[in-house]
C-alpha atoms as a PDB file:
ATOM      1  CA  MET A   1     -12.296   5.764   1.469  1.00  0.00           C
ATOM      2  CA  ILE A   2     -10.520   2.545   0.444  1.00  0.00           C
ATOM      3  CA  GLN A   3     -12.289  -0.042  -1.633  1.00  0.00           C
ATOM      4  CA  ILE A   4     -11.195  -3.648  -0.999  1.00  0.00           C
ATOM      5  CA  SER A   5     -11.664  -6.304  -3.656  1.00  0.00           C
ATOM      6  CA  GLN A   6     -10.470  -9.887  -3.842  1.00  0.00           C
ATOM      7  CA  GLN A   7      -8.697 -11.667  -6.681  1.00  0.00           C
ATOM      8  CA  GLY A   8      -7.887 -15.269  -5.825  1.00  0.00           C
ATOM      9  CA  ASN A   9      -6.039 -15.299  -2.496  1.00  0.00           C
ATOM     10  CA  VAL A  10      -5.098 -11.609  -2.755  1.00  0.00           C
ATOM     11  CA  LYS A  11      -6.983  -8.615  -1.418  1.00  0.00           C
ATOM     12  CA  ILE A  12      -6.581  -5.391  -3.374  1.00  0.00           C
ATOM     13  CA  GLY A  13      -7.010  -2.017  -1.700  1.00  0.00           C
ATOM     14  CA  LYS A  14      -7.539   1.109  -3.762  1.00  0.00           C
ATOM     15  CA  PHE A  15      -8.742   4.640  -3.031  1.00  0.00           C
ATOM     16  CA  ASP A  16     -12.249   5.005  -4.410  1.00  0.00           C
ATOM     17  CA  THR A  17     -11.562   8.596  -5.498  1.00  0.00           C
ATOM     18  CA  PRO A  18      -8.373  10.446  -6.478  1.00  0.00           C
ATOM     19  CA  SER A  19      -6.503  11.141  -3.272  1.00  0.00           C
ATOM     20  CA  ARG A  20      -3.391  12.507  -1.658  1.00  0.00           C
ATOM     21  CA  LEU A  21      -1.820  10.238   0.956  1.00  0.00           C
ATOM     22  CA  THR A  22      -0.992  12.911   3.517  1.00  0.00           C
ATOM     23  CA  LEU A  23      -1.224  13.679   7.214  1.00  0.00           C
ATOM     24  CA  LEU A  24      -4.915  14.451   6.739  1.00  0.00           C
ATOM     25  CA  ILE A  25      -5.844  10.866   5.851  1.00  0.00           C
ATOM     26  CA  SER A  26      -2.918   8.628   6.821  1.00  0.00           C
ATOM     27  CA  GLU A  27      -4.456   7.658  10.190  1.00  0.00           C
ATOM     28  CA  ASP A  28      -7.753   6.780   8.464  1.00  0.00           C
ATOM     29  CA  VAL A  29      -5.883   4.640   5.921  1.00  0.00           C
ATOM     30  CA  LYS A  30      -4.101   2.765   8.706  1.00  0.00           C
ATOM     31  CA  ALA A  31      -7.417   2.325  10.546  1.00  0.00           C
ATOM     32  CA  GLU A  32      -8.946   0.746   7.440  1.00  0.00           C
ATOM     33  CA  LEU A  33      -6.047  -1.479   6.369  1.00  0.00           C
ATOM     34  CA  LYS A  34      -4.435  -2.636   9.634  1.00  0.00           C
ATOM     35  CA  PRO A  35      -7.410  -4.888  10.503  1.00  0.00           C
ATOM     36  CA  VAL A  36      -7.127  -6.478   7.051  1.00  0.00           C
ATOM     37  CA  LEU A  37      -3.414  -7.176   7.591  1.00  0.00           C
ATOM     38  CA  SER A  38      -3.995  -8.401  11.145  1.00  0.00           C
ATOM     39  CA  ASP A  39      -5.630 -11.577   9.831  1.00  0.00           C
ATOM     40  CA  ASP A  40      -2.812 -14.109   9.693  1.00  0.00           C
ATOM     41  CA  LYS A  41      -1.305 -14.762   6.279  1.00  0.00           C
ATOM     42  CA  THR A  42      -3.283 -12.087   4.428  1.00  0.00           C
ATOM     43  CA  ASN A  43      -1.985 -11.012   1.022  1.00  0.00           C
ATOM     44  CA  LEU A  44      -2.759  -7.364   0.249  1.00  0.00           C
ATOM     45  CA  ILE A  45      -1.846  -5.221  -2.719  1.00  0.00           C
ATOM     46  CA  PHE A  46      -2.295  -1.496  -2.106  1.00  0.00           C
ATOM     47  CA  ASN A  47      -2.947   0.028  -5.516  1.00  0.00           C
ATOM     48  CA  LEU A  48      -1.883   3.688  -5.545  1.00  0.00           C
ATOM     49  CA  GLU A  49      -3.086   4.501  -9.047  1.00  0.00           C
ATOM     50  CA  ASN A  50      -5.449   7.204  -7.701  1.00  0.00           C
ATOM     51  CA  VAL A  51      -2.756   8.800  -5.511  1.00  0.00           C
ATOM     52  CA  ASP A  52      -1.025  11.812  -7.016  1.00  0.00           C
ATOM     53  CA  PHE A  53       0.897  12.949  -3.925  1.00  0.00           C
ATOM     54  CA  ILE A  54       2.424  11.299  -0.841  1.00  0.00           C
ATOM     55  CA  ASP A  55       3.964  13.252   2.039  1.00  0.00           C
ATOM     56  CA  SER A  56       6.119  11.995   4.907  1.00  0.00           C
ATOM     57  CA  SER A  57       3.042  10.939   6.892  1.00  0.00           C
ATOM     58  CA  GLY A  58       1.889   8.895   3.912  1.00  0.00           C
ATOM     59  CA  ILE A  59       5.286   7.197   3.718  1.00  0.00           C
ATOM     60  CA  GLY A  60       5.076   6.515   7.447  1.00  0.00           C
ATOM     61  CA  CYS A  61       1.623   5.028   6.918  1.00  0.00           C
ATOM     62  CA  LEU A  62       2.959   2.583   4.306  1.00  0.00           C
ATOM     63  CA  ILE A  63       5.848   1.554   6.565  1.00  0.00           C
ATOM     64  CA  SER A  64       3.444   1.072   9.475  1.00  0.00           C
ATOM     65  CA  LEU A  65       1.262  -1.166   7.298  1.00  0.00           C
ATOM     66  CA  GLN A  66       4.354  -3.181   6.336  1.00  0.00           C
ATOM     67  CA  ASN A  67       5.215  -3.613  10.016  1.00  0.00           C
ATOM     68  CA  THR A  68       1.673  -4.770  10.813  1.00  0.00           C
ATOM     69  CA  ALA A  69       1.838  -7.280   7.963  1.00  0.00           C
ATOM     70  CA  ALA A  70       5.155  -8.658   9.214  1.00  0.00           C
ATOM     71  CA  GLN A  71       3.807  -9.087  12.745  1.00  0.00           C
ATOM     72  CA  HIS A  72       0.921 -11.227  11.445  1.00  0.00           C
ATOM     73  CA  ASN A  73       2.720 -13.292   8.780  1.00  0.00           C
ATOM     74  CA  SER A  74       0.857 -11.253   6.197  1.00  0.00           C
ATOM     75  CA  ARG A  75       2.211  -9.587   3.116  1.00  0.00           C
ATOM     76  CA  ILE A  76       1.629  -6.171   1.541  1.00  0.00           C
ATOM     77  CA  ALA A  77       2.768  -4.942  -1.847  1.00  0.00           C
ATOM     78  CA  ILE A  78       2.411  -1.457  -3.308  1.00  0.00           C
ATOM     79  CA  CYS A  79       1.710  -0.886  -7.007  1.00  0.00           C
ATOM     80  CA  ASN A  80       0.947   1.823  -9.561  1.00  0.00           C
ATOM     81  CA  ILE A  81       3.073   4.473  -7.904  1.00  0.00           C
ATOM     82  CA  SER A  82       3.114   7.712  -9.915  1.00  0.00           C
ATOM     83  CA  LYS A  83       6.433   8.828 -11.401  1.00  0.00           C
ATOM     84  CA  SER A  84       6.709  11.803  -9.061  1.00  0.00           C
ATOM     85  CA  ASN A  85       5.985   9.642  -6.008  1.00  0.00           C
ATOM     86  CA  MET A  86       8.390   6.964  -7.234  1.00  0.00           C
ATOM     87  CA  LYS A  87      11.197   9.521  -7.206  1.00  0.00           C
ATOM     88  CA  ILE A  88      10.596   9.952  -3.469  1.00  0.00           C
ATOM     89  CA  PHE A  89      10.456   6.181  -2.941  1.00  0.00           C
ATOM     90  CA  ASP A  90      13.765   5.819  -4.808  1.00  0.00           C
ATOM     91  CA  LEU A  91      15.411   8.649  -2.879  1.00  0.00           C
ATOM     92  CA  LEU A  92      14.402   7.036   0.422  1.00  0.00           C
ATOM     93  CA  HIS A  93      15.344   3.528  -0.786  1.00  0.00           C
ATOM     94  CA  LEU A  94      11.887   2.279   0.142  1.00  0.00           C
ATOM     95  CA  ASP A  95      12.298  -0.630  -2.251  1.00  0.00           C
ATOM     96  CA  LYS A  96      14.504  -2.141   0.481  1.00  0.00           C
ATOM     97  CA  ILE A  97      11.602  -2.396   2.947  1.00  0.00           C
ATOM     98  CA  LEU A  98       8.467  -2.343   0.780  1.00  0.00           C
ATOM     99  CA  GLU A  99       7.461  -4.574  -2.110  1.00  0.00           C
ATOM    100  CA  LEU A 100       6.974  -2.145  -5.019  1.00  0.00           C
ATOM    101  CA  TYR A 101       5.558  -3.032  -8.434  1.00  0.00           C
ATOM    102  CA  PRO A 102       4.886  -0.837 -11.462  1.00  0.00           C
ATOM    103  CA  THR A 103       1.483  -2.411 -12.195  1.00  0.00           C
ATOM    104  CA  LEU A 104      -1.239  -4.412 -10.499  1.00  0.00           C
ATOM    105  CA  ASP A 105      -0.692  -7.312 -12.901  1.00  0.00           C
ATOM    106  CA  GLU A 106       3.009  -7.530 -11.992  1.00  0.00           C
ATOM    107  CA  ALA A 107       2.152  -7.463  -8.285  1.00  0.00           C
ATOM    108  CA  LEU A 108      -0.447 -10.209  -8.720  1.00  0.00           C
ATOM    109  CA  LYS A 109       2.094 -12.428 -10.464  1.00  0.00           C
ATOM    110  CA  LYS A 110       4.302 -12.340  -7.351  1.00  0.00           C
ATOM    111  CA  PHE A 111       1.615 -13.753  -5.054  1.00  0.00           C
END
């Protein structure tokens, strides 16, 4: 479901097909990415360019991944959030708890 690549000291996770981050897959996403973040001092960028919709379970999934990262001195950033999804992120002030970047290149520059 999620393809992981490496660029320097940063792992990049991306859905391999267009997806919706919803209740139907949020547990699977956590199951795939939590082990990655559980390695101490892991840097992960979750690229959402193939995600056209995120529901409350998807938001909860992202927050859970952030919490896992914090527990293991790891770091997660989210990039390429669609405009419609970004409106939800703004409304919920998720920029206060998640690292959000408009592009993968901008996220990579911060690591």
